[in-house]
């Protein structure tokens, strides 16, 4: 009987990560070591590694994943252009006089930033530097204030567009296809990023509502924890509200509307978001307002008009009207390019562009390195018989399909205490989701449940990223213990959200069914 090298392999990976070794090197190194151990003990056919090049090539040529650097760039540019500060200040002035109002404003801003930037670290740090001191000055319980900031920042993982949802959609699509092949189906269905985005939208807004209800109830029953603002906050003018809120909302509508409406692919919509964020940054850094607005309007009109009435000059049956229409498209494109050039120049001169590009490259490299090395890990794990072991184990779970799903969700939740969401998504999920789908669980509903669970991993100590981000940005009087205690009720709210979606799957399934 061969040693359970597949289980030892997974345990060794967790130990290496906990010891602080770089994640991508740990994943690939453990995979290679156990591949040779499996070959030496006869547990694995070493020729299976011949498929390694094909798997890596499949990852780096995956068109869906191209959207990741574009969405990251969009979020970083918006963060560097200080849009979060304006949003927080405006929302604080709107809701500050209400008991618990500052907390509500942080949640609302977190939701808006989630839909426009999707960068958890940037959101938590910005709100930790701006909103947390304001709440403390106005008498908020430090634990509650810390929990609100940490949790609101994680909304970027469940409210689309989100890097987590893009990676998850690719993993779930592969798992869904694998399950259909196992069922003998060859006219297979796939899962698109747009469907996952649509499925996550209502659950994300539901979580926002749950947070807000909790804050209002706590402010009502424990007034000293979330009092009305003591500072005199003037009501913002309509122009200030319009300037702070409307641009990010328009960007959200443009990106999500293009994806959910089927007008553009996620990659195309991500490019729209990146260009829109760049134009907003150019405007905020002192660029010519009229040119930037005119360029944005020209690009918007060009995208719609060219989709409705495209002109292809290589055809030989064009008439004068076609040439005139093509010429007008050229003029619109020229205006848009001029606006982008000016925005790029302003972003460069004000020190926004270079840090944004550097951070985008860093984050993207980390994500893709983890995905590529995870493909090596999963290949060796399958070769050692791990896939069959996981499938058999889930079948033997008491409670049938529901018991198996409950175990997997608990496993993801526990691993979230120690591992990053990317590692869990690309290593564990390809092993457990195909058997769960074969047991009859709806893949779209399953994806949203897992997404909320993975979002919770940002809050669970000791390695929750949101906790680390706030620890670095919080005032000195906020201790690590306060942060941990502050997020505990919100972890419970996350579990409540998962329970609601478990009981009412229509929350996750209704919008994809309507749109697709």
Protein backbone atom coordinates (compact mmCIF):
# COMPACT_ATOMS: atom_id res chain seq x y z
CA UNK A 1 0.00 0.00 0.00
CA UNK A 2 1.47 3.32 -1.07
CA UNK A 3 1.92 6.20 1.31
CA UNK A 4 -0.78 8.90 1.24
CA UNK A 5 1.60 11.26 -0.54
CA UNK A 6 -1.30 13.42 -1.78
CA UNK A 7 -2.34 14.28 1.79
CA UNK A 8 1.27 14.76 2.89
CA UNK A 9 1.78 17.05 -0.10
CA UNK A 10 -1.10 19.32 0.90
CA UNK A 11 0.06 19.40 4.54
CA UNK A 12 3.63 20.23 3.47
CA UNK A 13 2.37 23.13 1.38
CA UNK A 14 0.47 24.66 4.31
CA UNK A 15 3.52 24.27 6.57
CA UNK A 16 5.81 25.98 4.05
CA UNK A 17 3.43 28.92 3.65
CA UNK A 18 3.02 29.29 7.42
CA UNK A 19 6.82 29.28 7.81
CA UNK A 20 6.95 32.35 5.57
CA UNK A 21 8.37 30.95 2.34
CA UNK A 22 7.25 32.80 -0.82
CA UNK A 23 3.94 31.33 -1.93
CA UNK A 24 4.68 30.63 -5.60
CA UNK A 25 8.06 29.04 -4.82
CA UNK A 26 6.46 26.94 -2.07
CA UNK A 27 3.73 25.67 -4.39
CA UNK A 28 6.03 24.71 -7.27
CA UNK A 29 8.81 23.41 -5.02
CA UNK A 30 6.52 21.12 -3.04
CA UNK A 31 4.96 19.88 -6.28
CA UNK A 32 8.32 18.93 -7.82
CA UNK A 33 9.58 17.28 -4.62
CA UNK A 34 6.46 15.14 -4.26
CA UNK A 35 6.43 14.30 -7.97
CA UNK A 36 9.83 12.65 -7.58
CA UNK A 37 8.81 11.03 -4.26
CA UNK A 38 5.78 9.59 -6.04
CA UNK A 39 7.98 8.33 -8.88
CA UNK A 40 10.47 6.74 -6.48
CA UNK A 41 7.73 5.00 -4.47
CA UNK A 42 5.74 3.95 -7.53
CA UNK A 43 2.75 6.11 -6.57
CA UNK A 44 2.95 8.32 -9.68
CA UNK A 45 3.87 7.98 -13.33
CA UNK A 46 6.53 10.64 -13.88
CA UNK A 47 5.61 10.95 -17.57
CA UNK A 48 2.50 12.83 -16.42
CA UNK A 49 4.74 15.89 -16.05
CA UNK A 50 4.87 15.96 -19.85
CA UNK A 51 1.52 17.74 -19.70
CA UNK A 52 3.04 20.53 -17.62
CA UNK A 53 3.95 22.79 -20.53
CA UNK A 54 0.46 22.54 -21.99
CA UNK A 55 -1.15 23.43 -18.64
CA UNK A 56 1.09 26.47 -18.13
CA UNK A 57 0.53 27.59 -21.73
CA UNK A 58 -3.22 27.28 -21.17
CA UNK A 59 -2.99 29.61 -18.16
CA UNK A 60 -0.90 32.32 -19.82
CA UNK A 61 -3.11 32.32 -22.95
CA UNK A 62 -6.39 32.44 -21.03
CA UNK A 63 -8.22 35.48 -22.41
CA UNK A 64 -10.40 35.80 -19.30
CA UNK A 65 -7.41 36.39 -17.04
CA UNK A 66 -6.24 39.34 -19.16
CA UNK A 67 -8.93 41.38 -17.42
CA UNK A 68 -7.08 41.08 -14.09
CA UNK A 69 -4.23 43.59 -14.74
CA UNK A 70 -6.69 46.02 -16.34
CA UNK A 71 -9.04 45.96 -13.35
CA UNK A 72 -6.08 46.23 -10.98
CA UNK A 73 -4.78 49.25 -12.90
CA UNK A 74 -8.23 50.85 -12.79
CA UNK A 75 -8.42 50.42 -9.03
CA UNK A 76 -4.90 51.63 -8.33
CA UNK A 77 -5.30 54.74 -10.49
CA UNK A 78 -8.53 55.66 -8.72
CA UNK A 79 -6.88 55.09 -5.35
CA UNK A 80 -3.83 57.20 -6.25
CA UNK A 81 -6.09 60.01 -7.50
CA UNK A 82 -7.54 60.28 -3.95
CA UNK A 83 -11.13 59.60 -4.94
CA UNK A 84 -11.70 57.73 -1.64
CA UNK A 85 -10.97 60.86 0.37
CA UNK A 86 -13.62 62.91 -1.42
CA UNK A 87 -16.18 60.12 -1.11
CA UNK A 88 -15.55 59.64 2.61
CA UNK A 89 -15.67 63.35 3.37
CA UNK A 90 -18.89 63.87 1.39
CA UNK A 91 -20.66 60.81 2.82
CA UNK A 92 -19.56 61.75 6.34
CA UNK A 93 -21.16 65.16 5.91
CA UNK A 94 -24.36 63.59 4.56
CA UNK A 95 -24.87 60.98 7.30
CA UNK A 96 -22.73 62.25 10.18
CA UNK A 97 -25.56 63.84 12.19
CA UNK A 98 -27.43 60.53 12.33
CA UNK A 99 -26.70 58.12 15.18
CA UNK A 100 -24.39 55.55 13.58
CA UNK A 101 -24.25 57.77 10.51
CA UNK A 102 -20.46 57.85 10.22
CA UNK A 103 -20.43 54.05 10.23
CA UNK A 104 -23.09 53.99 7.53
CA UNK A 105 -21.06 56.41 5.42
CA UNK A 106 -18.01 54.14 5.66
CA UNK A 107 -20.07 51.13 4.50
CA UNK A 108 -21.58 53.07 1.59
CA UNK A 109 -18.16 54.36 0.53
CA UNK A 110 -16.76 50.83 0.86
CA UNK A 111 -19.48 49.57 -1.49
CA UNK A 112 -18.83 52.34 -4.03
CA UNK A 113 -15.09 51.80 -3.93
CA UNK A 114 -15.63 48.05 -4.20
CA UNK A 115 -17.55 48.51 -7.43
CA UNK A 116 -15.11 51.05 -8.84
CA UNK A 117 -11.70 49.93 -7.57
CA UNK A 118 -12.03 46.43 -6.08
CA UNK A 119 -8.64 46.79 -4.32
CA UNK A 120 -9.07 45.70 -0.68
CA UNK A 121 -5.74 47.02 0.57
CA UNK A 122 -6.21 50.47 -0.95
CA UNK A 123 -9.75 50.79 0.42
CA UNK A 124 -8.90 49.65 3.96
CA UNK A 125 -5.81 51.86 4.18
CA UNK A 126 -7.65 54.91 2.83
CA UNK A 127 -10.53 54.51 5.25
CA UNK A 128 -8.16 53.65 8.10
CA UNK A 129 -6.30 56.92 7.56
CA UNK A 130 -9.36 59.11 6.99
CA UNK A 131 -12.55 57.62 8.43
CA UNK A 132 -11.21 55.77 11.49
CA UNK A 133 -9.74 58.87 13.21
CA UNK A 134 -12.98 60.77 12.48
CA UNK A 135 -15.10 58.05 14.09
CA UNK A 136 -12.80 57.91 17.12
CA UNK A 137 -12.93 61.70 17.59
CA UNK A 138 -16.71 61.49 17.57
CA UNK A 139 -16.86 58.90 20.33
CA UNK A 140 -17.22 55.63 18.41
CA UNK A 141 -16.27 52.41 20.15
CA UNK A 142 -12.74 51.66 18.82
CA UNK A 143 -13.63 48.00 18.27
CA UNK A 144 -16.77 48.82 16.30
CA UNK A 145 -14.97 51.47 14.25
CA UNK A 146 -12.15 49.06 13.40
CA UNK A 147 -14.59 46.32 12.45
CA UNK A 148 -16.55 48.65 10.17
CA UNK A 149 -13.43 49.79 8.31
CA UNK A 150 -12.01 46.26 7.90
CA UNK A 151 -15.28 44.74 6.75
CA UNK A 152 -16.26 47.55 4.38
CA UNK A 153 -12.89 47.25 2.69
CA UNK A 154 -13.46 43.57 1.89
CA UNK A 155 -16.57 44.34 -0.18
CA UNK A 156 -14.23 44.72 -3.14
CA UNK A 157 -14.00 40.92 -3.28
CA UNK A 158 -17.73 40.20 -3.62
CA UNK A 159 -19.09 43.27 -5.41
CA UNK A 160 -18.09 43.13 -9.10
CA UNK A 161 -15.79 43.85 -10.79
CA UNK A 162 -13.48 41.79 -8.60
CA UNK A 163 -10.23 39.93 -9.11
CA UNK A 164 -11.54 37.13 -6.89
CA UNK A 165 -14.64 36.71 -9.05
CA UNK A 166 -12.59 36.62 -12.27
CA UNK A 167 -10.30 33.86 -10.96
CA UNK A 168 -13.27 32.04 -9.41
CA UNK A 169 -15.25 32.14 -12.65
CA UNK A 170 -12.37 30.51 -14.53
CA UNK A 171 -11.99 27.78 -11.89
CA UNK A 172 -15.74 27.13 -11.71
CA UNK A 173 -16.05 27.02 -15.49
CA UNK A 174 -13.33 24.37 -15.70
CA UNK A 175 -14.94 22.42 -12.85
CA UNK A 176 -18.36 22.62 -14.50
CA UNK A 177 -16.96 21.31 -17.78
CA UNK A 178 -15.11 18.53 -15.96
CA UNK A 179 -18.32 17.49 -14.18
CA UNK A 180 -20.25 17.43 -17.46
CA UNK A 181 -17.60 15.25 -19.11
CA UNK A 182 -17.83 12.87 -16.13
CA UNK A 183 -21.59 12.69 -16.72
CA UNK A 184 -21.02 11.72 -20.36
CA UNK A 185 -22.09 15.08 -21.78
CA UNK A 186 -20.07 16.44 -24.67
CA UNK A 187 -22.32 19.35 -25.67
CA UNK A 188 -21.13 21.21 -22.62
CA UNK A 189 -22.12 24.52 -21.03
CA UNK A 190 -19.62 27.01 -19.69
CA UNK A 191 -19.67 29.66 -16.97
CA UNK A 192 -18.69 33.19 -17.98
CA UNK A 193 -17.29 36.02 -15.90
CA UNK A 194 -20.43 38.02 -16.67
CA UNK A 195 -22.64 35.32 -15.15
CA UNK A 196 -20.56 35.24 -11.96
CA UNK A 197 -20.59 39.05 -11.81
CA UNK A 198 -24.38 39.04 -12.19
CA UNK A 199 -24.75 36.34 -9.54
CA UNK A 200 -22.56 38.21 -7.04
CA UNK A 201 -24.21 41.62 -7.43
CA UNK A 202 -27.35 41.05 -5.33
CA UNK A 203 -25.55 39.03 -2.61
CA UNK A 204 -22.97 41.82 -2.38
CA UNK A 205 -25.67 44.45 -1.93
CA UNK A 206 -27.37 42.13 0.58
CA UNK A 207 -24.19 42.07 2.67
CA UNK A 208 -24.04 45.87 2.54
CA UNK A 209 -27.62 45.99 3.83
CA UNK A 210 -26.82 43.51 6.62
CA UNK A 211 -23.85 45.63 7.75
CA UNK A 212 -25.95 48.80 7.75
CA UNK A 213 -28.81 47.19 9.70
CA UNK A 214 -26.32 45.90 12.29
CA UNK A 215 -24.75 49.35 12.71
CA UNK A 216 -28.15 51.03 13.10
CA UNK A 217 -29.33 48.42 15.62
CA UNK A 218 -26.13 48.70 17.62
CA UNK A 219 -26.37 52.49 17.58
CA UNK A 220 -29.98 52.23 18.77
CA UNK A 221 -29.41 49.75 21.61
CA UNK A 222 -25.90 50.94 22.54
CA UNK A 223 -25.87 54.69 21.76
CA UNK A 224 -22.43 55.20 23.25
CA UNK A 225 -20.86 52.85 20.67
CA UNK A 226 -21.97 54.86 17.60
CA UNK A 227 -23.15 58.35 18.59
CA UNK A 228 -24.11 61.14 16.23
CA UNK A 229 -21.18 63.26 15.12
CA UNK A 230 -19.99 65.72 17.74
CA UNK A 231 -18.11 67.76 15.18
CA UNK A 232 -20.09 70.39 13.35
CA UNK A 233 -20.48 68.97 9.90
CA UNK A 234 -21.86 71.26 7.26
CA UNK A 235 -24.22 69.80 4.73
CA UNK A 236 -22.34 69.34 1.45
CA UNK A 237 -23.54 71.32 -1.52
CA UNK A 238 -25.23 69.58 -4.41
CA UNK A 239 -22.22 70.32 -6.57
CA UNK A 240 -19.88 68.67 -4.02
CA UNK A 241 -22.10 65.59 -3.85
CA UNK A 242 -22.31 65.45 -7.65
CA UNK A 243 -18.55 65.85 -8.09
CA UNK A 244 -17.67 63.18 -5.51
CA UNK A 245 -20.29 60.53 -6.27
CA UNK A 246 -21.37 60.77 -9.90
CA UNK A 247 -18.01 60.07 -11.66
CA UNK A 248 -17.37 56.73 -9.90
CA UNK A 249 -21.01 55.72 -10.37
CA UNK A 250 -20.77 56.47 -14.10
CA UNK A 251 -17.61 54.38 -14.28
CA UNK A 252 -19.35 51.52 -12.44
CA UNK A 253 -22.32 51.70 -14.79
CA UNK A 254 -20.05 51.77 -17.85
CA UNK A 255 -18.00 48.75 -16.78
CA UNK A 256 -20.69 46.57 -15.20
CA UNK A 257 -23.35 47.66 -17.68
CA UNK A 258 -21.14 46.67 -20.61
CA UNK A 259 -20.48 43.22 -19.09
CA UNK A 260 -23.96 42.42 -17.79
CA UNK A 261 -25.63 43.85 -20.89
CA UNK A 262 -23.53 41.68 -23.19
CA UNK A 263 -22.12 44.72 -24.97
CA UNK A 264 -18.50 43.88 -24.14
CA UNK A 265 -16.45 41.01 -22.81
CA UNK A 266 -14.93 41.38 -19.31
CA UNK A 267 -11.55 42.15 -20.86
CA UNK A 268 -13.01 44.86 -23.09
CA UNK A 269 -15.00 46.31 -20.19
CA UNK A 270 -11.86 46.26 -18.05
CA UNK A 271 -10.06 48.33 -20.68
CA UNK A 272 -12.97 50.78 -20.63
CA UNK A 273 -12.62 51.00 -16.85
CA UNK A 274 -8.87 51.55 -17.07
CA UNK A 275 -9.28 54.36 -19.61
CA UNK A 276 -12.14 55.89 -17.59
CA UNK A 277 -10.07 55.83 -14.39
CA UNK A 278 -7.18 57.46 -16.25
CA UNK A 279 -9.42 60.24 -17.53
CA UNK A 280 -10.78 60.82 -14.02
CA UNK A 281 -7.23 60.98 -12.66
CA UNK A 282 -6.27 63.46 -15.38
CA UNK A 283 -9.22 65.66 -14.50
CA UNK A 284 -8.47 65.57 -10.76
CA UNK A 285 -4.78 66.33 -11.33
CA UNK A 286 -5.53 69.61 -13.08
CA UNK A 287 -6.01 68.58 -16.70
CA UNK A 288 -8.22 70.62 -19.06
CA UNK A 289 -11.75 69.78 -17.95
CA UNK A 290 -13.46 70.50 -21.27
CA UNK A 291 -11.08 68.35 -23.32
CA UNK A 292 -11.27 65.42 -20.89
CA UNK A 293 -15.06 65.55 -20.72
CA UNK A 294 -15.28 65.90 -24.49
CA UNK A 295 -12.89 62.98 -24.95
CA UNK A 296 -14.88 60.79 -22.55
CA UNK A 297 -18.12 61.66 -24.36
CA UNK A 298 -16.51 61.00 -27.75
CA UNK A 299 -15.24 57.57 -26.68
CA UNK A 300 -18.61 56.70 -25.15
CA UNK A 301 -20.48 57.68 -28.31
CA UNK A 302 -17.91 55.94 -30.51
CA UNK A 303 -18.31 52.68 -28.59
CA UNK A 304 -22.09 52.72 -28.99
CA UNK A 305 -22.20 53.98 -32.58
CA UNK A 306 -19.50 51.63 -33.87
CA UNK A 307 -21.33 48.71 -32.29
CA UNK A 308 -24.63 49.66 -33.91
CA UNK A 309 -23.31 50.74 -37.31
CA UNK A 310 -19.78 49.40 -37.90
CA UNK A 311 -17.80 50.51 -40.95
CA UNK A 312 -15.26 48.21 -42.59
CA UNK A 313 -13.13 50.03 -45.14
CA UNK A 314 -11.75 46.81 -46.65
CA UNK A 315 -15.11 46.19 -48.32
CA UNK A 316 -15.49 47.20 -51.98
CA UNK A 317 -19.19 48.16 -51.84
CA UNK A 318 -18.88 51.26 -49.64
CA UNK A 319 -20.83 54.38 -50.56
CA UNK A 320 -20.34 58.05 -49.70
CA UNK A 321 -22.41 57.72 -46.51
CA UNK A 322 -20.16 54.92 -45.27
CA UNK A 323 -17.07 57.04 -45.84
CA UNK A 324 -18.67 59.98 -44.04
CA UNK A 325 -19.63 57.76 -41.11
CA UNK A 326 -16.13 56.29 -40.98
CA UNK A 327 -14.66 59.77 -41.06
CA UNK A 328 -16.83 60.83 -38.12
CA UNK A 329 -15.64 57.78 -36.20
CA UNK A 330 -12.07 58.81 -36.94
CA UNK A 331 -12.71 62.31 -35.57
CA UNK A 332 -14.28 60.88 -32.40
CA UNK A 333 -11.33 58.52 -31.96
CA UNK A 334 -8.87 61.40 -32.41
CA UNK A 335 -10.64 63.47 -29.73
CA UNK A 336 -10.62 60.49 -27.37
CA UNK A 337 -6.93 59.78 -27.99
CA UNK A 338 -6.10 63.46 -27.36
CA UNK A 339 -7.95 63.37 -24.04
CA UNK A 340 -6.18 60.14 -23.03
CA UNK A 341 -2.79 61.62 -23.97
CA UNK A 342 -3.44 64.71 -21.86
CA UNK A 343 -4.64 62.56 -18.93
CA UNK A 344 -1.53 60.39 -19.19
CA UNK A 345 0.71 63.46 -19.21
CA UNK A 346 -1.02 64.96 -16.16
CA UNK A 347 -0.95 61.64 -14.30
CA UNK A 348 2.76 61.31 -15.03
CA UNK A 349 3.62 64.84 -13.92
CA UNK A 350 1.65 64.56 -10.68
CA UNK A 351 3.27 61.26 -9.72
CA UNK A 352 0.17 59.06 -10.18
CA UNK A 353 1.05 57.02 -13.25
CA UNK A 354 4.42 55.49 -12.29
CA UNK A 355 3.35 54.20 -8.83
CA UNK A 356 0.10 52.92 -10.35
CA UNK A 357 1.95 50.99 -13.05
CA UNK A 358 4.46 49.60 -10.53
CA UNK A 359 1.73 48.45 -8.13
CA UNK A 360 -0.28 46.95 -11.00
CA UNK A 361 2.74 44.97 -12.18
CA UNK A 362 3.48 43.78 -8.62
CA UNK A 363 -0.07 42.62 -7.87
CA UNK A 364 -0.55 41.03 -11.29
CA UNK A 365 2.76 39.18 -11.10
CA UNK A 366 1.84 37.77 -7.68
CA UNK A 367 -1.55 36.56 -8.91
CA UNK A 368 -0.28 34.99 -12.14
CA UNK A 369 2.72 33.38 -10.43
CA UNK A 370 0.34 31.72 -7.97
CA UNK A 371 -2.02 30.57 -10.75
CA UNK A 372 0.78 29.14 -12.90
CA UNK A 373 2.48 27.29 -10.03
CA UNK A 374 -0.90 26.04 -8.79
CA UNK A 375 -1.40 24.33 -12.15
CA UNK A 376 1.85 22.43 -11.47
CA UNK A 377 0.68 21.53 -7.97
CA UNK A 378 -2.72 20.29 -9.12
CA UNK A 379 -1.15 18.16 -11.88
CA UNK A 380 1.10 16.35 -9.37
CA UNK A 381 -1.73 16.08 -6.82
CA UNK A 382 -3.93 14.42 -9.44
CA UNK A 383 -1.07 12.13 -10.43
CA UNK A 384 -0.75 11.00 -6.81
CA UNK A 385 -4.42 10.06 -6.73
CA UNK A 386 -5.54 13.05 -4.71
CA UNK A 387 -8.48 13.87 -6.96
CA UNK A 388 -10.02 10.42 -6.53
CA UNK A 389 -9.37 10.51 -2.79
CA UNK A 390 -11.17 13.86 -2.44
CA UNK A 391 -14.13 12.65 -4.51
CA UNK A 392 -14.49 9.44 -2.51
CA UNK A 393 -14.15 11.30 0.77
CA UNK A 394 -16.93 13.72 -0.14
CA UNK A 395 -19.20 10.84 -1.17
CA UNK A 396 -18.71 9.22 2.24
CA UNK A 397 -19.61 12.38 4.16
CA UNK A 398 -22.76 11.99 6.31
CA UNK A 399 -25.69 14.07 5.10
CA UNK A 400 -25.18 13.40 1.41
CA UNK A 401 -24.68 16.39 -0.92
CA UNK A 402 -25.59 18.92 1.79
CA UNK A 403 -23.16 17.34 4.25
CA UNK A 404 -20.38 17.34 1.65
CA UNK A 405 -21.02 21.00 0.84
CA UNK A 406 -21.08 21.92 4.53
CA UNK A 407 -17.74 20.18 5.04
CA UNK A 408 -16.17 21.96 2.05
CA UNK A 409 -17.44 25.33 3.19
CA UNK A 410 -16.08 24.69 6.69
CA UNK A 411 -12.73 23.62 5.20
CA UNK A 412 -12.51 26.79 3.07
CA UNK A 413 -13.43 28.88 6.13
CA UNK A 414 -10.72 27.27 8.27
CA UNK A 415 -8.07 27.50 5.54
CA UNK A 416 -8.96 31.19 5.23
CA UNK A 417 -7.35 31.70 8.65
CA UNK A 418 -3.98 30.77 7.16
CA UNK A 419 -4.05 31.00 3.34
CA UNK A 420 -4.69 33.74 0.78
CA UNK A 421 -7.87 33.62 -1.33
CA UNK A 422 -5.83 33.06 -4.52
CA UNK A 423 -4.14 29.99 -3.05
CA UNK A 424 -7.45 28.51 -1.88
CA UNK A 425 -9.14 29.27 -5.20
CA UNK A 426 -6.55 27.79 -7.54
CA UNK A 427 -5.38 24.86 -5.36
CA UNK A 428 -8.35 23.59 -3.32
CA UNK A 429 -11.38 24.53 -5.40
CA UNK A 430 -10.44 22.55 -8.56
CA UNK A 431 -10.38 19.46 -6.33
CA UNK A 432 -13.67 19.88 -4.44
CA UNK A 433 -16.00 21.71 -6.83
CA UNK A 434 -16.31 19.02 -9.57
CA UNK A 435 -17.55 16.39 -7.07
CA UNK A 436 -19.94 18.94 -5.54
CA UNK A 437 -21.38 19.77 -8.96
CA UNK A 438 -21.72 16.06 -9.73
CA UNK A 439 -23.71 15.71 -6.50
CA UNK A 440 -26.28 18.13 -7.93
CA UNK A 441 -25.27 21.53 -6.55
CA UNK A 442 -25.92 24.45 -8.90
CA UNK A 443 -22.51 25.79 -10.04
CA UNK A 444 -23.57 29.47 -10.09
CA UNK A 445 -25.04 29.33 -6.59
CA UNK A 446 -22.04 27.35 -5.40
CA UNK A 447 -19.65 29.96 -6.80
CA UNK A 448 -21.34 32.79 -4.89
CA UNK A 449 -21.35 30.83 -1.61
CA UNK A 450 -17.64 30.18 -2.04
CA UNK A 451 -16.98 33.83 -2.97
CA UNK A 452 -18.54 35.10 0.27
CA UNK A 453 -16.59 32.47 2.21
CA UNK A 454 -13.36 33.59 0.57
CA UNK A 455 -14.23 37.21 1.29
CA UNK A 456 -14.43 36.26 4.96
CA UNK A 457 -10.80 35.07 4.81
CA UNK A 458 -9.75 38.72 4.72
CA UNK A 459 -11.25 39.17 8.20
CA UNK A 460 -10.26 35.99 10.01
CA UNK A 461 -7.22 36.25 12.29
CA UNK A 462 -4.35 35.68 12.51
CA UNK A 463 -3.54 36.21 8.81
CA UNK A 464 -6.54 38.19 7.51
CA UNK A 465 -5.14 40.71 5.04
CA UNK A 466 -7.69 43.35 5.93
CA UNK A 467 -6.51 43.17 9.55
CA UNK A 468 -2.90 43.70 8.51
CA UNK A 469 -3.80 46.64 6.28
CA UNK A 470 -5.69 48.39 9.08
CA UNK A 471 -2.98 47.60 11.63
CA UNK A 472 -0.52 49.54 9.46
CA UNK A 473 -2.85 52.52 8.96
CA UNK A 474 -4.65 52.76 12.32
CA UNK A 475 -3.74 55.28 15.05
CA UNK A 476 -1.50 54.08 17.88
CA UNK A 477 -4.38 53.82 20.35
CA UNK A 478 -5.95 51.05 18.24
CA UNK A 479 -4.40 47.74 19.32
CA UNK A 480 -4.32 44.49 17.39
CA UNK A 481 -6.65 42.97 19.99
CA UNK A 482 -9.19 45.74 19.33
CA UNK A 483 -9.10 45.03 15.61
CA UNK A 484 -9.58 41.29 16.14
CA UNK A 485 -12.47 41.89 18.56
CA UNK A 486 -14.00 44.44 16.18
CA UNK A 487 -14.20 42.11 13.21
CA UNK A 488 -15.67 39.19 15.20
CA UNK A 489 -19.34 40.35 14.90
CA UNK A 490 -18.86 41.02 11.18
CA UNK A 491 -17.49 37.51 10.64
CA UNK A 492 -20.78 36.36 12.18
CA UNK A 493 -22.66 38.61 9.74
CA UNK A 494 -20.72 37.03 6.86
CA UNK A 495 -21.81 33.59 8.05
CA UNK A 496 -25.37 34.90 8.28
CA UNK A 497 -25.12 36.09 4.68
CA UNK A 498 -23.93 32.66 3.54
CA UNK A 499 -26.80 31.01 5.44
CA UNK A 500 -29.37 33.30 3.79
CA UNK A 501 -28.05 32.50 0.30
CA UNK A 502 -27.93 28.78 1.19
CA UNK A 503 -31.61 28.91 2.17
CA UNK A 504 -32.67 31.27 -0.66
CA UNK A 505 -30.58 30.37 -3.75
CA UNK A 506 -32.67 32.74 -5.89
CA UNK A 507 -30.68 35.67 -4.46
CA UNK A 508 -27.67 34.42 -6.41
CA UNK A 509 -29.46 32.80 -9.35
CA UNK A 510 -32.15 35.32 -10.27
CA UNK A 511 -30.08 38.00 -12.02
CA UNK A 512 -27.96 35.58 -14.12
CA UNK A 513 -31.17 33.81 -15.18
CA UNK A 514 -32.73 37.12 -16.26
CA UNK A 515 -29.67 38.42 -18.12
CA UNK A 516 -28.39 35.16 -19.59
